[in-house]
Amino acid sequence: MSPAAPGAPGTGLRPALPSDIGLLAAIAQAAIFELTGEDYDANQQEAWAARFDDEDAFGRRLADRLTLVATRGGEAAGFIALADNRQIDLLYVHPSVAGEGVAALLCDAAEKLAAARGAKSLTVDASDTALGFFQKRGYVPRQRNTVTLGDVWLGNTTLEKSLTGEAATG
């Protein structure tokens, strides 16, 4: 485990384990239902959260990614999944720790790992709720997207951050 990060007392990082799948799915669903209400309606939240109902499929998705779990007091508080060393595929924190530095700790780790593995930039398809968080971290909007889940659509934005110390170009 990593030492505690500034702004995130007692928070550490560890790799995700297969036994974490149910808990990580629950964190994602709690974050969707409790943190995104200003940006997405109930139908959109239901469709989005349903993506985590099939824990076997979710586990297979995470198995193909570098997934880190943030812990607080030994309990999972959030997670991040890095796909192909180029994209933040998933980032969720439990609503009880939202705004307390957990997401920043997870992003810092993913960015450092990606850069150490040779990535020049990272992309993310950020929800409207997470858009400001990523922009404050230096991610630059590249395009607006519409994601269709069944008969429901959600908007998100693809952003990119240069990991070379220069502004991302595109």
N, C-alpha and C. Protein backbone atom coordinates (compact mmCIF):
# COMPACT_ATOMS: atom_id res chain seq x y z
N MET A 1 0.83 -1.19 0.00
CA MET A 1 0.00 0.00 0.00
C MET A 1 0.86 1.24 0.00
N SER A 2 0.37 2.25 -0.66
CA SER A 2 1.07 3.53 -0.71
C SER A 2 0.83 4.30 0.57
N PRO A 3 1.74 5.20 0.89
CA PRO A 3 1.47 6.08 2.02
C PRO A 3 0.27 6.97 1.72
N ALA A 4 -0.31 7.52 2.75
CA ALA A 4 -1.47 8.39 2.58
C ALA A 4 -1.08 9.61 1.75
N ALA A 5 -2.01 10.02 0.91
CA ALA A 5 -1.78 11.19 0.07
C ALA A 5 -2.27 12.44 0.78
N PRO A 6 -1.66 13.58 0.46
CA PRO A 6 -2.17 14.82 1.03
C PRO A 6 -3.62 15.00 0.63
N GLY A 7 -4.44 15.45 1.56
CA GLY A 7 -5.85 15.67 1.27
C GLY A 7 -6.69 14.42 1.32
N ALA A 8 -6.05 13.28 1.51
CA ALA A 8 -6.79 12.02 1.58
C ALA A 8 -6.26 11.21 2.76
N PRO A 9 -6.55 11.64 4.00
CA PRO A 9 -5.98 10.99 5.17
C PRO A 9 -6.29 9.51 5.24
N GLY A 10 -5.27 8.71 5.49
CA GLY A 10 -5.44 7.28 5.64
C GLY A 10 -5.82 6.56 4.37
N THR A 11 -5.61 7.19 3.22
CA THR A 11 -5.98 6.57 1.95
C THR A 11 -4.74 5.92 1.34
N GLY A 12 -4.92 4.69 0.87
CA GLY A 12 -3.84 3.97 0.22
C GLY A 12 -4.32 3.40 -1.10
N LEU A 13 -3.41 2.77 -1.82
CA LEU A 13 -3.72 2.16 -3.11
C LEU A 13 -3.26 0.72 -3.11
N ARG A 14 -4.01 -0.10 -3.84
CA ARG A 14 -3.61 -1.49 -4.05
C ARG A 14 -4.20 -1.96 -5.37
N PRO A 15 -3.66 -3.04 -5.93
CA PRO A 15 -4.27 -3.58 -7.15
C PRO A 15 -5.64 -4.18 -6.82
N ALA A 16 -6.52 -4.15 -7.80
CA ALA A 16 -7.83 -4.80 -7.63
C ALA A 16 -7.65 -6.30 -7.62
N LEU A 17 -8.48 -6.96 -6.84
CA LEU A 17 -8.49 -8.41 -6.74
C LEU A 17 -9.80 -8.95 -7.29
N PRO A 18 -9.81 -10.19 -7.78
CA PRO A 18 -11.08 -10.76 -8.26
C PRO A 18 -12.19 -10.70 -7.20
N SER A 19 -11.83 -10.81 -5.95
CA SER A 19 -12.83 -10.77 -4.88
C SER A 19 -13.43 -9.38 -4.68
N ASP A 20 -12.86 -8.36 -5.32
CA ASP A 20 -13.36 -6.99 -5.20
C ASP A 20 -14.53 -6.67 -6.14
N ILE A 21 -14.79 -7.51 -7.11
CA ILE A 21 -15.72 -7.17 -8.19
C ILE A 21 -17.08 -6.69 -7.68
N GLY A 22 -17.68 -7.43 -6.79
CA GLY A 22 -19.00 -7.04 -6.27
C GLY A 22 -18.97 -5.70 -5.56
N LEU A 23 -17.95 -5.48 -4.76
CA LEU A 23 -17.82 -4.22 -4.02
C LEU A 23 -17.56 -3.05 -4.97
N LEU A 24 -16.73 -3.25 -5.99
CA LEU A 24 -16.44 -2.18 -6.93
C LEU A 24 -17.69 -1.85 -7.76
N ALA A 25 -18.46 -2.86 -8.12
CA ALA A 25 -19.72 -2.62 -8.83
C ALA A 25 -20.67 -1.80 -7.95
N ALA A 26 -20.71 -2.13 -6.67
CA ALA A 26 -21.58 -1.38 -5.74
C ALA A 26 -21.11 0.06 -5.58
N ILE A 27 -19.80 0.28 -5.55
CA ILE A 27 -19.27 1.66 -5.47
C ILE A 27 -19.68 2.44 -6.72
N ALA A 28 -19.52 1.83 -7.89
CA ALA A 28 -19.89 2.51 -9.13
C ALA A 28 -21.38 2.87 -9.12
N GLN A 29 -22.22 1.93 -8.74
CA GLN A 29 -23.65 2.19 -8.73
C GLN A 29 -24.03 3.26 -7.71
N ALA A 30 -23.42 3.22 -6.54
CA ALA A 30 -23.70 4.25 -5.53
C ALA A 30 -23.29 5.62 -6.05
N ALA A 31 -22.13 5.70 -6.70
CA ALA A 31 -21.66 6.97 -7.25
C ALA A 31 -22.63 7.48 -8.31
N ILE A 32 -23.08 6.60 -9.17
CA ILE A 32 -24.01 7.01 -10.23
C ILE A 32 -25.29 7.56 -9.63
N PHE A 33 -25.88 6.83 -8.69
CA PHE A 33 -27.17 7.24 -8.14
C PHE A 33 -27.07 8.45 -7.21
N GLU A 34 -25.96 8.58 -6.49
CA GLU A 34 -25.87 9.64 -5.47
C GLU A 34 -25.12 10.89 -5.92
N LEU A 35 -24.33 10.79 -6.99
CA LEU A 35 -23.49 11.93 -7.36
C LEU A 35 -23.83 12.56 -8.71
N THR A 36 -24.64 11.91 -9.53
CA THR A 36 -24.84 12.40 -10.89
C THR A 36 -26.22 13.02 -11.15
N GLY A 37 -27.03 13.17 -10.13
CA GLY A 37 -28.41 13.62 -10.29
C GLY A 37 -28.57 15.00 -10.89
N GLU A 38 -27.59 15.86 -10.75
CA GLU A 38 -27.70 17.21 -11.35
C GLU A 38 -27.46 17.17 -12.86
N ASP A 39 -26.84 16.09 -13.35
CA ASP A 39 -26.48 16.02 -14.76
C ASP A 39 -27.25 14.98 -15.56
N TYR A 40 -27.80 13.98 -14.88
CA TYR A 40 -28.50 12.88 -15.56
C TYR A 40 -29.81 12.60 -14.84
N ASP A 41 -30.86 12.28 -15.62
CA ASP A 41 -32.15 11.99 -14.99
C ASP A 41 -32.19 10.54 -14.50
N ALA A 42 -33.28 10.18 -13.84
CA ALA A 42 -33.40 8.85 -13.22
C ALA A 42 -33.29 7.73 -14.25
N ASN A 43 -33.88 7.90 -15.42
CA ASN A 43 -33.78 6.87 -16.46
C ASN A 43 -32.34 6.70 -16.93
N GLN A 44 -31.63 7.80 -17.08
CA GLN A 44 -30.23 7.72 -17.49
C GLN A 44 -29.39 7.04 -16.42
N GLN A 45 -29.62 7.40 -15.15
CA GLN A 45 -28.89 6.78 -14.05
C GLN A 45 -29.15 5.27 -14.00
N GLU A 46 -30.41 4.87 -14.14
CA GLU A 46 -30.76 3.45 -14.12
C GLU A 46 -30.05 2.68 -15.23
N ALA A 47 -30.07 3.23 -16.45
CA ALA A 47 -29.43 2.56 -17.58
C ALA A 47 -27.92 2.46 -17.38
N TRP A 48 -27.33 3.52 -16.87
CA TRP A 48 -25.89 3.56 -16.63
C TRP A 48 -25.52 2.56 -15.53
N ALA A 49 -26.22 2.59 -14.43
CA ALA A 49 -25.90 1.69 -13.30
C ALA A 49 -26.13 0.23 -13.66
N ALA A 50 -27.07 -0.04 -14.56
CA ALA A 50 -27.34 -1.43 -14.95
C ALA A 50 -26.13 -2.09 -15.61
N ARG A 51 -25.21 -1.28 -16.12
CA ARG A 51 -23.99 -1.84 -16.73
C ARG A 51 -23.15 -2.61 -15.71
N PHE A 52 -23.41 -2.39 -14.42
CA PHE A 52 -22.64 -3.06 -13.37
C PHE A 52 -23.41 -4.21 -12.73
N ASP A 53 -24.61 -4.51 -13.22
CA ASP A 53 -25.41 -5.60 -12.66
C ASP A 53 -24.80 -6.97 -12.92
N ASP A 54 -24.21 -7.15 -14.09
CA ASP A 54 -23.60 -8.43 -14.45
C ASP A 54 -22.16 -8.44 -13.95
N GLU A 55 -21.97 -8.98 -12.75
CA GLU A 55 -20.64 -8.95 -12.14
C GLU A 55 -19.62 -9.78 -12.91
N ASP A 56 -20.06 -10.84 -13.58
CA ASP A 56 -19.11 -11.64 -14.38
C ASP A 56 -18.57 -10.81 -15.54
N ALA A 57 -19.45 -10.11 -16.25
CA ALA A 57 -19.01 -9.26 -17.36
C ALA A 57 -18.13 -8.12 -16.84
N PHE A 58 -18.52 -7.53 -15.72
CA PHE A 58 -17.72 -6.45 -15.13
C PHE A 58 -16.34 -6.97 -14.74
N GLY A 59 -16.28 -8.15 -14.15
CA GLY A 59 -15.01 -8.75 -13.78
C GLY A 59 -14.12 -9.00 -14.98
N ARG A 60 -14.71 -9.46 -16.09
CA ARG A 60 -13.93 -9.67 -17.32
C ARG A 60 -13.39 -8.34 -17.85
N ARG A 61 -14.21 -7.30 -17.76
CA ARG A 61 -13.78 -5.98 -18.22
C ARG A 61 -12.58 -5.51 -17.40
N LEU A 62 -12.67 -5.63 -16.08
CA LEU A 62 -11.56 -5.19 -15.23
C LEU A 62 -10.32 -6.05 -15.41
N ALA A 63 -10.49 -7.32 -15.70
CA ALA A 63 -9.35 -8.23 -15.88
C ALA A 63 -8.47 -7.80 -17.04
N ASP A 64 -9.06 -7.10 -18.02
CA ASP A 64 -8.31 -6.64 -19.19
C ASP A 64 -7.69 -5.27 -18.98
N ARG A 65 -7.78 -4.73 -17.77
CA ARG A 65 -7.29 -3.39 -17.49
C ARG A 65 -6.42 -3.38 -16.24
N LEU A 66 -5.57 -2.38 -16.15
CA LEU A 66 -4.84 -2.14 -14.92
C LEU A 66 -5.83 -1.44 -13.98
N THR A 67 -6.21 -2.10 -12.92
CA THR A 67 -7.23 -1.55 -12.03
C THR A 67 -6.65 -1.39 -10.64
N LEU A 68 -6.74 -0.15 -10.13
CA LEU A 68 -6.27 0.17 -8.79
C LEU A 68 -7.46 0.50 -7.91
N VAL A 69 -7.37 0.09 -6.65
CA VAL A 69 -8.40 0.37 -5.66
C VAL A 69 -7.82 1.31 -4.62
N ALA A 70 -8.54 2.39 -4.35
CA ALA A 70 -8.18 3.27 -3.24
C ALA A 70 -8.86 2.73 -1.99
N THR A 71 -8.11 2.69 -0.91
CA THR A 71 -8.67 2.21 0.35
C THR A 71 -8.59 3.32 1.39
N ARG A 72 -9.55 3.30 2.26
CA ARG A 72 -9.56 4.22 3.40
C ARG A 72 -9.90 3.36 4.61
N GLY A 73 -9.00 3.34 5.57
CA GLY A 73 -9.20 2.49 6.74
C GLY A 73 -9.30 1.03 6.37
N GLY A 74 -8.62 0.61 5.31
CA GLY A 74 -8.63 -0.78 4.88
C GLY A 74 -9.82 -1.15 4.01
N GLU A 75 -10.76 -0.26 3.83
CA GLU A 75 -11.96 -0.54 3.03
C GLU A 75 -11.86 0.15 1.67
N ALA A 76 -12.38 -0.49 0.63
CA ALA A 76 -12.38 0.10 -0.70
C ALA A 76 -13.20 1.38 -0.69
N ALA A 77 -12.63 2.44 -1.25
CA ALA A 77 -13.30 3.74 -1.30
C ALA A 77 -13.50 4.23 -2.73
N GLY A 78 -12.83 3.60 -3.69
CA GLY A 78 -12.93 4.00 -5.08
C GLY A 78 -12.01 3.15 -5.93
N PHE A 79 -12.12 3.31 -7.24
CA PHE A 79 -11.24 2.55 -8.14
C PHE A 79 -11.08 3.28 -9.46
N ILE A 80 -10.00 2.91 -10.15
CA ILE A 80 -9.72 3.43 -11.49
C ILE A 80 -9.25 2.27 -12.34
N ALA A 81 -9.66 2.24 -13.60
CA ALA A 81 -9.23 1.21 -14.54
C ALA A 81 -8.59 1.90 -15.74
N LEU A 82 -7.38 1.50 -16.06
CA LEU A 82 -6.61 2.05 -17.16
C LEU A 82 -6.59 1.02 -18.29
N ALA A 83 -7.10 1.39 -19.46
CA ALA A 83 -7.18 0.48 -20.60
C ALA A 83 -6.06 0.79 -21.58
N ASP A 84 -5.36 -0.24 -21.99
CA ASP A 84 -4.32 -0.13 -23.02
C ASP A 84 -3.29 0.95 -22.74
N ASN A 85 -3.12 1.28 -21.47
CA ASN A 85 -2.14 2.29 -21.07
C ASN A 85 -2.38 3.63 -21.76
N ARG A 86 -3.62 3.85 -22.25
CA ARG A 86 -3.93 5.07 -22.98
C ARG A 86 -5.21 5.74 -22.53
N GLN A 87 -6.09 5.00 -21.85
CA GLN A 87 -7.41 5.55 -21.54
C GLN A 87 -7.82 5.22 -20.12
N ILE A 88 -8.29 6.23 -19.40
CA ILE A 88 -8.96 5.98 -18.13
C ILE A 88 -10.35 5.49 -18.50
N ASP A 89 -10.58 4.21 -18.30
CA ASP A 89 -11.82 3.58 -18.71
C ASP A 89 -12.91 3.75 -17.66
N LEU A 90 -12.54 3.65 -16.40
CA LEU A 90 -13.50 3.76 -15.30
C LEU A 90 -12.84 4.50 -14.15
N LEU A 91 -13.59 5.39 -13.51
CA LEU A 91 -13.14 6.06 -12.29
C LEU A 91 -14.39 6.35 -11.47
N TYR A 92 -14.47 5.71 -10.31
CA TYR A 92 -15.60 5.91 -9.42
C TYR A 92 -15.10 5.97 -7.99
N VAL A 93 -15.71 6.84 -7.20
CA VAL A 93 -15.44 6.88 -5.76
C VAL A 93 -16.77 6.78 -5.03
N HIS A 94 -16.71 6.19 -3.85
CA HIS A 94 -17.91 6.07 -3.04
C HIS A 94 -18.39 7.47 -2.66
N PRO A 95 -19.69 7.72 -2.70
CA PRO A 95 -20.19 9.05 -2.37
C PRO A 95 -19.75 9.57 -1.00
N SER A 96 -19.49 8.69 -0.05
CA SER A 96 -19.08 9.13 1.28
C SER A 96 -17.70 9.77 1.31
N VAL A 97 -16.91 9.56 0.25
CA VAL A 97 -15.57 10.16 0.19
C VAL A 97 -15.40 11.12 -0.99
N ALA A 98 -16.49 11.40 -1.68
CA ALA A 98 -16.42 12.32 -2.83
C ALA A 98 -15.90 13.68 -2.36
N GLY A 99 -14.98 14.23 -3.12
CA GLY A 99 -14.42 15.54 -2.80
C GLY A 99 -13.33 15.52 -1.74
N GLU A 100 -12.89 14.33 -1.35
CA GLU A 100 -11.87 14.21 -0.30
C GLU A 100 -10.50 13.78 -0.82
N GLY A 101 -10.28 13.84 -2.13
CA GLY A 101 -8.97 13.54 -2.69
C GLY A 101 -8.77 12.12 -3.17
N VAL A 102 -9.77 11.26 -3.03
CA VAL A 102 -9.63 9.87 -3.44
C VAL A 102 -9.49 9.77 -4.96
N ALA A 103 -10.36 10.45 -5.70
CA ALA A 103 -10.28 10.41 -7.17
C ALA A 103 -8.95 11.00 -7.65
N ALA A 104 -8.49 12.06 -7.01
CA ALA A 104 -7.21 12.66 -7.39
C ALA A 104 -6.06 11.69 -7.16
N LEU A 105 -6.08 10.99 -6.04
CA LEU A 105 -5.04 9.99 -5.75
C LEU A 105 -5.04 8.90 -6.82
N LEU A 106 -6.22 8.42 -7.19
CA LEU A 106 -6.33 7.39 -8.21
C LEU A 106 -5.82 7.90 -9.56
N CYS A 107 -6.21 9.11 -9.94
CA CYS A 107 -5.75 9.69 -11.22
C CYS A 107 -4.24 9.91 -11.22
N ASP A 108 -3.72 10.43 -10.12
CA ASP A 108 -2.27 10.63 -10.04
C ASP A 108 -1.54 9.32 -10.30
N ALA A 109 -1.99 8.25 -9.67
CA ALA A 109 -1.34 6.94 -9.82
C ALA A 109 -1.45 6.45 -11.27
N ALA A 110 -2.63 6.55 -11.86
CA ALA A 110 -2.81 6.09 -13.24
C ALA A 110 -1.96 6.90 -14.21
N GLU A 111 -1.91 8.20 -14.01
CA GLU A 111 -1.10 9.05 -14.89
C GLU A 111 0.38 8.71 -14.77
N LYS A 112 0.85 8.51 -13.55
CA LYS A 112 2.27 8.17 -13.35
C LYS A 112 2.60 6.80 -13.94
N LEU A 113 1.72 5.83 -13.73
CA LEU A 113 1.95 4.50 -14.29
C LEU A 113 1.95 4.54 -15.82
N ALA A 114 0.99 5.24 -16.41
CA ALA A 114 0.93 5.33 -17.87
C ALA A 114 2.18 6.00 -18.42
N ALA A 115 2.60 7.09 -17.80
CA ALA A 115 3.81 7.79 -18.26
C ALA A 115 5.04 6.91 -18.13
N ALA A 116 5.15 6.20 -17.01
CA ALA A 116 6.30 5.32 -16.80
C ALA A 116 6.33 4.18 -17.81
N ARG A 117 5.18 3.83 -18.34
CA ARG A 117 5.08 2.77 -19.35
C ARG A 117 5.14 3.32 -20.76
N GLY A 118 5.48 4.60 -20.90
CA GLY A 118 5.72 5.18 -22.22
C GLY A 118 4.56 5.92 -22.85
N ALA A 119 3.43 6.03 -22.19
CA ALA A 119 2.30 6.77 -22.78
C ALA A 119 2.64 8.25 -22.85
N LYS A 120 2.29 8.87 -23.96
CA LYS A 120 2.50 10.30 -24.15
C LYS A 120 1.30 11.10 -23.68
N SER A 121 0.12 10.46 -23.66
CA SER A 121 -1.10 11.14 -23.22
C SER A 121 -2.10 10.10 -22.73
N LEU A 122 -3.10 10.59 -22.04
CA LEU A 122 -4.22 9.77 -21.59
C LEU A 122 -5.50 10.41 -22.06
N THR A 123 -6.48 9.58 -22.39
CA THR A 123 -7.81 10.07 -22.72
C THR A 123 -8.80 9.54 -21.70
N VAL A 124 -9.95 10.18 -21.64
CA VAL A 124 -11.04 9.73 -20.79
C VAL A 124 -12.34 10.20 -21.42
N ASP A 125 -13.35 9.35 -21.37
CA ASP A 125 -14.71 9.76 -21.74
C ASP A 125 -15.40 10.10 -20.44
N ALA A 126 -15.40 11.38 -20.09
CA ALA A 126 -15.88 11.83 -18.79
C ALA A 126 -17.37 12.15 -18.82
N SER A 127 -18.05 11.70 -17.78
CA SER A 127 -19.45 12.07 -17.61
C SER A 127 -19.52 13.58 -17.42
N ASP A 128 -20.72 14.13 -17.59
CA ASP A 128 -20.89 15.56 -17.34
C ASP A 128 -20.57 15.89 -15.89
N THR A 129 -20.81 14.95 -14.99
CA THR A 129 -20.52 15.15 -13.57
C THR A 129 -19.02 15.25 -13.32
N ALA A 130 -18.23 14.45 -14.04
CA ALA A 130 -16.78 14.41 -13.83
C ALA A 130 -16.00 15.38 -14.71
N LEU A 131 -16.67 16.04 -15.62
CA LEU A 131 -15.98 16.90 -16.59
C LEU A 131 -15.09 17.95 -15.92
N GLY A 132 -15.61 18.68 -14.96
CA GLY A 132 -14.83 19.72 -14.28
C GLY A 132 -13.63 19.16 -13.55
N PHE A 133 -13.79 17.98 -12.93
CA PHE A 133 -12.68 17.33 -12.23
C PHE A 133 -11.51 17.11 -13.19
N PHE A 134 -11.80 16.54 -14.35
CA PHE A 134 -10.73 16.26 -15.30
C PHE A 134 -10.15 17.54 -15.90
N GLN A 135 -10.98 18.53 -16.17
CA GLN A 135 -10.45 19.78 -16.71
C GLN A 135 -9.50 20.44 -15.72
N LYS A 136 -9.82 20.40 -14.43
CA LYS A 136 -8.93 20.97 -13.41
C LYS A 136 -7.59 20.24 -13.37
N ARG A 137 -7.57 19.00 -13.81
CA ARG A 137 -6.34 18.21 -13.83
C ARG A 137 -5.56 18.39 -15.14
N GLY A 138 -6.02 19.26 -16.01
CA GLY A 138 -5.29 19.52 -17.25
C GLY A 138 -5.77 18.73 -18.46
N TYR A 139 -6.88 18.05 -18.33
CA TYR A 139 -7.45 17.34 -19.48
C TYR A 139 -8.19 18.35 -20.35
N VAL A 140 -8.00 18.22 -21.66
CA VAL A 140 -8.56 19.17 -22.62
C VAL A 140 -9.68 18.47 -23.40
N PRO A 141 -10.87 19.08 -23.47
CA PRO A 141 -11.96 18.47 -24.23
C PRO A 141 -11.60 18.31 -25.71
N ARG A 142 -11.94 17.15 -26.27
CA ARG A 142 -11.68 16.87 -27.68
C ARG A 142 -12.96 16.69 -28.48
N GLN A 143 -13.96 16.03 -27.88
CA GLN A 143 -15.23 15.85 -28.60
C GLN A 143 -16.34 15.49 -27.63
N ARG A 144 -17.54 15.84 -28.03
CA ARG A 144 -18.75 15.50 -27.29
C ARG A 144 -19.30 14.20 -27.85
N ASN A 145 -19.79 13.31 -26.98
CA ASN A 145 -20.27 12.00 -27.38
C ASN A 145 -21.69 11.76 -26.88
N THR A 146 -22.39 10.89 -27.58
CA THR A 146 -23.67 10.38 -27.12
C THR A 146 -23.54 8.87 -27.00
N VAL A 147 -23.81 8.35 -25.81
CA VAL A 147 -23.74 6.92 -25.54
C VAL A 147 -25.17 6.41 -25.42
N THR A 148 -25.50 5.37 -26.18
CA THR A 148 -26.83 4.79 -26.13
C THR A 148 -26.79 3.52 -25.30
N LEU A 149 -27.63 3.46 -24.29
CA LEU A 149 -27.78 2.28 -23.44
C LEU A 149 -29.23 1.85 -23.51
N GLY A 150 -29.50 0.83 -24.33
CA GLY A 150 -30.88 0.45 -24.57
C GLY A 150 -31.58 1.57 -25.31
N ASP A 151 -32.69 2.07 -24.74
CA ASP A 151 -33.40 3.17 -25.39
C ASP A 151 -33.13 4.50 -24.70
N VAL A 152 -32.05 4.55 -23.92
CA VAL A 152 -31.68 5.75 -23.18
C VAL A 152 -30.33 6.24 -23.69
N TRP A 153 -30.15 7.55 -23.77
CA TRP A 153 -28.86 8.09 -24.17
C TRP A 153 -28.27 8.92 -23.04
N LEU A 154 -26.96 8.96 -23.01
CA LEU A 154 -26.22 9.78 -22.05
C LEU A 154 -25.16 10.55 -22.83
N GLY A 155 -24.91 11.78 -22.40
CA GLY A 155 -23.83 12.54 -22.99
C GLY A 155 -22.57 12.42 -22.15
N ASN A 156 -21.42 12.42 -22.84
CA ASN A 156 -20.14 12.54 -22.16
C ASN A 156 -19.17 13.26 -23.09
N THR A 157 -17.99 13.52 -22.59
CA THR A 157 -16.99 14.27 -23.35
C THR A 157 -15.67 13.53 -23.32
N THR A 158 -15.06 13.35 -24.49
CA THR A 158 -13.72 12.80 -24.55
C THR A 158 -12.73 13.93 -24.29
N LEU A 159 -11.84 13.70 -23.33
CA LEU A 159 -10.79 14.65 -22.99
C LEU A 159 -9.45 13.96 -23.12
N GLU A 160 -8.40 14.77 -23.25
CA GLU A 160 -7.04 14.24 -23.37
C GLU A 160 -6.10 15.08 -22.53
N LYS A 161 -5.13 14.41 -21.92
CA LYS A 161 -4.10 15.09 -21.16
C LYS A 161 -2.73 14.60 -21.62
N SER A 162 -1.86 15.55 -21.91
CA SER A 162 -0.49 15.22 -22.25
C SER A 162 0.23 14.79 -20.97
N LEU A 163 1.02 13.73 -21.09
CA LEU A 163 1.80 13.26 -19.96
C LEU A 163 3.28 13.62 -20.12
N THR A 164 3.58 14.42 -21.13
CA THR A 164 4.98 14.77 -21.41
C THR A 164 5.35 16.14 -20.89
N GLY A 165 4.42 16.80 -20.18
CA GLY A 165 4.71 18.12 -19.65
C GLY A 165 4.35 19.24 -20.59
N GLU A 166 3.93 18.90 -21.82
CA GLU A 166 3.51 19.89 -22.79
C GLU A 166 2.00 19.78 -22.93
N ALA A 167 1.37 20.82 -23.43
CA ALA A 167 -0.07 20.78 -23.68
C ALA A 167 -0.39 19.71 -24.71
N ALA A 168 -1.47 18.98 -24.48
CA ALA A 168 -1.89 17.96 -25.44
C ALA A 168 -2.27 18.64 -26.74
N THR A 169 -1.91 18.00 -27.83
CA THR A 169 -2.23 18.57 -29.13
C THR A 169 -3.26 17.68 -29.82
N GLY A 170 -3.97 18.24 -30.78
CA GLY A 170 -4.94 17.41 -31.46
C GLY A 170 -5.66 18.10 -32.49
